[in-house]
């Protein structure tokens, strides 16, 4: 996954021209976010969709 910073907000829109893409919002201290990220990685090994990972502390 591509982690975005405040300077790289354009990465969020990078894959909007494709039919399907994933935007994963998380916070570093969230245990549920860590589990769902692992599940998303496993599921996406089959789908091979572009994923953008966004730290919600910096992108409210």
N, C-alpha and C. Protein backbone atom coordinates (compact mmCIF):
# COMPACT_ATOMS: atom_id res chain seq x y z
N UNK A 1 0.84 -1.18 0.00
CA UNK A 1 0.00 0.00 0.00
C UNK A 1 0.87 1.23 0.00
N UNK A 2 0.37 2.25 -0.58
CA UNK A 2 1.07 3.52 -0.61
C UNK A 2 0.56 4.39 0.52
N UNK A 3 1.42 4.70 1.49
CA UNK A 3 1.03 5.60 2.56
C UNK A 3 1.13 7.03 2.05
N UNK A 4 0.13 7.84 2.34
CA UNK A 4 0.15 9.23 1.89
C UNK A 4 0.47 10.15 3.05
N UNK A 5 1.12 11.24 2.74
CA UNK A 5 1.36 12.28 3.72
C UNK A 5 0.56 13.50 3.30
N UNK A 6 0.60 14.52 4.12
CA UNK A 6 -0.16 15.72 3.80
C UNK A 6 0.26 16.31 2.46
N UNK A 7 1.54 16.17 2.11
CA UNK A 7 2.04 16.72 0.86
C UNK A 7 1.61 15.89 -0.34
N UNK A 8 1.18 14.65 -0.13
CA UNK A 8 0.87 13.76 -1.24
C UNK A 8 -0.63 13.48 -1.36
N UNK A 9 -1.45 14.47 -1.13
CA UNK A 9 -2.90 14.30 -1.24
C UNK A 9 -3.29 13.91 -2.66
N UNK A 10 -2.51 14.31 -3.64
CA UNK A 10 -2.81 13.97 -5.03
C UNK A 10 -2.81 12.46 -5.25
N UNK A 11 -2.06 11.70 -4.43
CA UNK A 11 -2.04 10.25 -4.55
C UNK A 11 -3.42 9.65 -4.34
N UNK A 12 -4.25 10.29 -3.54
CA UNK A 12 -5.59 9.79 -3.28
C UNK A 12 -6.40 9.80 -4.56
N UNK A 13 -6.19 10.80 -5.39
CA UNK A 13 -6.93 10.92 -6.64
C UNK A 13 -6.24 10.23 -7.81
N UNK A 14 -5.09 9.65 -7.57
CA UNK A 14 -4.27 9.07 -8.64
C UNK A 14 -5.00 7.97 -9.42
N UNK A 15 -5.78 7.14 -8.75
CA UNK A 15 -6.41 6.00 -9.39
C UNK A 15 -7.90 6.21 -9.67
N UNK A 16 -8.39 7.44 -9.55
CA UNK A 16 -9.82 7.67 -9.77
C UNK A 16 -10.23 7.47 -11.22
N UNK A 17 -9.29 7.44 -12.14
CA UNK A 17 -9.65 7.19 -13.54
C UNK A 17 -9.90 5.71 -13.81
N UNK A 18 -9.54 4.85 -12.89
CA UNK A 18 -9.76 3.41 -13.06
C UNK A 18 -11.17 3.06 -12.57
N UNK A 19 -11.71 1.93 -13.06
CA UNK A 19 -13.05 1.53 -12.66
C UNK A 19 -13.13 1.21 -11.17
N UNK A 20 -12.12 0.52 -10.65
CA UNK A 20 -12.14 0.13 -9.24
C UNK A 20 -10.81 0.47 -8.61
N UNK A 21 -10.87 1.00 -7.40
CA UNK A 21 -9.68 1.30 -6.62
C UNK A 21 -10.08 1.30 -5.15
N UNK A 22 -9.10 1.21 -4.28
CA UNK A 22 -9.37 1.17 -2.85
C UNK A 22 -8.66 2.33 -2.16
N UNK A 23 -9.37 2.97 -1.25
CA UNK A 23 -8.79 3.99 -0.39
C UNK A 23 -8.99 3.50 1.03
N UNK A 24 -7.88 3.24 1.73
CA UNK A 24 -7.93 2.69 3.08
C UNK A 24 -7.56 3.77 4.07
N UNK A 25 -8.51 4.17 4.91
CA UNK A 25 -8.27 5.16 5.95
C UNK A 25 -7.98 4.45 7.26
N UNK A 26 -6.95 4.89 7.98
CA UNK A 26 -6.54 4.25 9.22
C UNK A 26 -5.97 5.29 10.18
N UNK A 27 -5.81 4.88 11.43
CA UNK A 27 -5.01 5.64 12.39
C UNK A 27 -3.98 4.66 12.96
N UNK A 28 -2.77 5.11 13.21
CA UNK A 28 -1.70 4.21 13.64
C UNK A 28 -1.98 3.50 14.98
N UNK A 29 -2.77 4.09 15.84
CA UNK A 29 -3.02 3.49 17.15
C UNK A 29 -4.27 2.61 17.19
N UNK A 30 -4.94 2.46 16.08
CA UNK A 30 -6.20 1.70 16.02
C UNK A 30 -5.91 0.21 15.79
N UNK A 31 -6.28 -0.62 16.74
CA UNK A 31 -6.09 -2.06 16.59
C UNK A 31 -6.97 -2.66 15.51
N UNK A 32 -8.20 -2.19 15.42
CA UNK A 32 -9.11 -2.68 14.38
C UNK A 32 -8.61 -2.32 12.99
N UNK A 33 -8.00 -1.16 12.85
CA UNK A 33 -7.43 -0.74 11.56
C UNK A 33 -6.31 -1.69 11.13
N UNK A 34 -5.49 -2.11 12.09
CA UNK A 34 -4.38 -3.01 11.76
C UNK A 34 -4.89 -4.37 11.30
N UNK A 35 -5.94 -4.87 11.95
CA UNK A 35 -6.52 -6.15 11.55
C UNK A 35 -7.18 -6.03 10.18
N UNK A 36 -7.94 -4.96 9.97
CA UNK A 36 -8.61 -4.81 8.68
C UNK A 36 -7.60 -4.58 7.55
N UNK A 37 -6.47 -3.95 7.85
CA UNK A 37 -5.43 -3.76 6.83
C UNK A 37 -4.86 -5.11 6.40
N UNK A 38 -4.62 -5.99 7.37
CA UNK A 38 -4.12 -7.33 7.03
C UNK A 38 -5.13 -8.09 6.19
N UNK A 39 -6.42 -8.01 6.56
CA UNK A 39 -7.46 -8.70 5.79
C UNK A 39 -7.55 -8.12 4.38
N UNK A 40 -7.44 -6.82 4.26
CA UNK A 40 -7.49 -6.17 2.95
C UNK A 40 -6.31 -6.59 2.07
N UNK A 41 -5.13 -6.69 2.66
CA UNK A 41 -3.95 -7.14 1.91
C UNK A 41 -4.14 -8.56 1.38
N UNK A 42 -4.68 -9.43 2.21
CA UNK A 42 -4.91 -10.82 1.79
C UNK A 42 -5.94 -10.88 0.67
N UNK A 43 -7.04 -10.16 0.82
CA UNK A 43 -8.09 -10.17 -0.21
C UNK A 43 -7.58 -9.55 -1.51
N UNK A 44 -6.75 -8.54 -1.39
CA UNK A 44 -6.28 -7.84 -2.59
C UNK A 44 -5.20 -8.62 -3.33
N UNK A 45 -4.65 -9.66 -2.75
CA UNK A 45 -3.70 -10.49 -3.49
C UNK A 45 -4.39 -11.15 -4.68
N UNK A 46 -5.67 -11.39 -4.57
CA UNK A 46 -6.45 -11.98 -5.67
C UNK A 46 -6.91 -10.88 -6.63
N UNK A 47 -7.42 -9.79 -6.09
CA UNK A 47 -8.02 -8.74 -6.91
C UNK A 47 -6.99 -7.85 -7.61
N UNK A 48 -5.87 -7.60 -6.98
CA UNK A 48 -4.81 -6.75 -7.54
C UNK A 48 -5.30 -5.34 -7.90
N UNK A 49 -6.08 -4.75 -6.99
CA UNK A 49 -6.56 -3.39 -7.20
C UNK A 49 -5.56 -2.38 -6.64
N UNK A 50 -5.51 -1.18 -7.20
CA UNK A 50 -4.65 -0.15 -6.63
C UNK A 50 -5.21 0.30 -5.27
N UNK A 51 -4.33 0.41 -4.29
CA UNK A 51 -4.73 0.82 -2.93
C UNK A 51 -3.93 2.05 -2.54
N UNK A 52 -4.63 3.01 -1.94
CA UNK A 52 -3.98 4.17 -1.33
C UNK A 52 -4.31 4.14 0.15
N UNK A 53 -3.27 4.23 0.98
CA UNK A 53 -3.42 4.18 2.43
C UNK A 53 -3.31 5.61 2.97
N UNK A 54 -4.32 6.03 3.76
CA UNK A 54 -4.36 7.40 4.26
C UNK A 54 -4.42 7.41 5.79
N UNK A 55 -3.49 8.11 6.41
CA UNK A 55 -3.50 8.30 7.86
C UNK A 55 -4.55 9.37 8.16
N UNK A 56 -5.63 8.98 8.82
CA UNK A 56 -6.75 9.89 9.07
C UNK A 56 -6.41 10.99 10.08
N UNK A 57 -5.30 10.86 10.79
CA UNK A 57 -4.87 11.94 11.67
C UNK A 57 -4.45 13.17 10.88
N UNK A 58 -4.02 12.96 9.64
CA UNK A 58 -3.57 14.06 8.79
C UNK A 58 -4.57 14.41 7.70
N UNK A 59 -5.56 13.56 7.47
CA UNK A 59 -6.58 13.79 6.44
C UNK A 59 -7.97 13.62 7.06
N UNK A 60 -8.40 14.59 7.86
CA UNK A 60 -9.71 14.42 8.53
C UNK A 60 -10.88 14.46 7.57
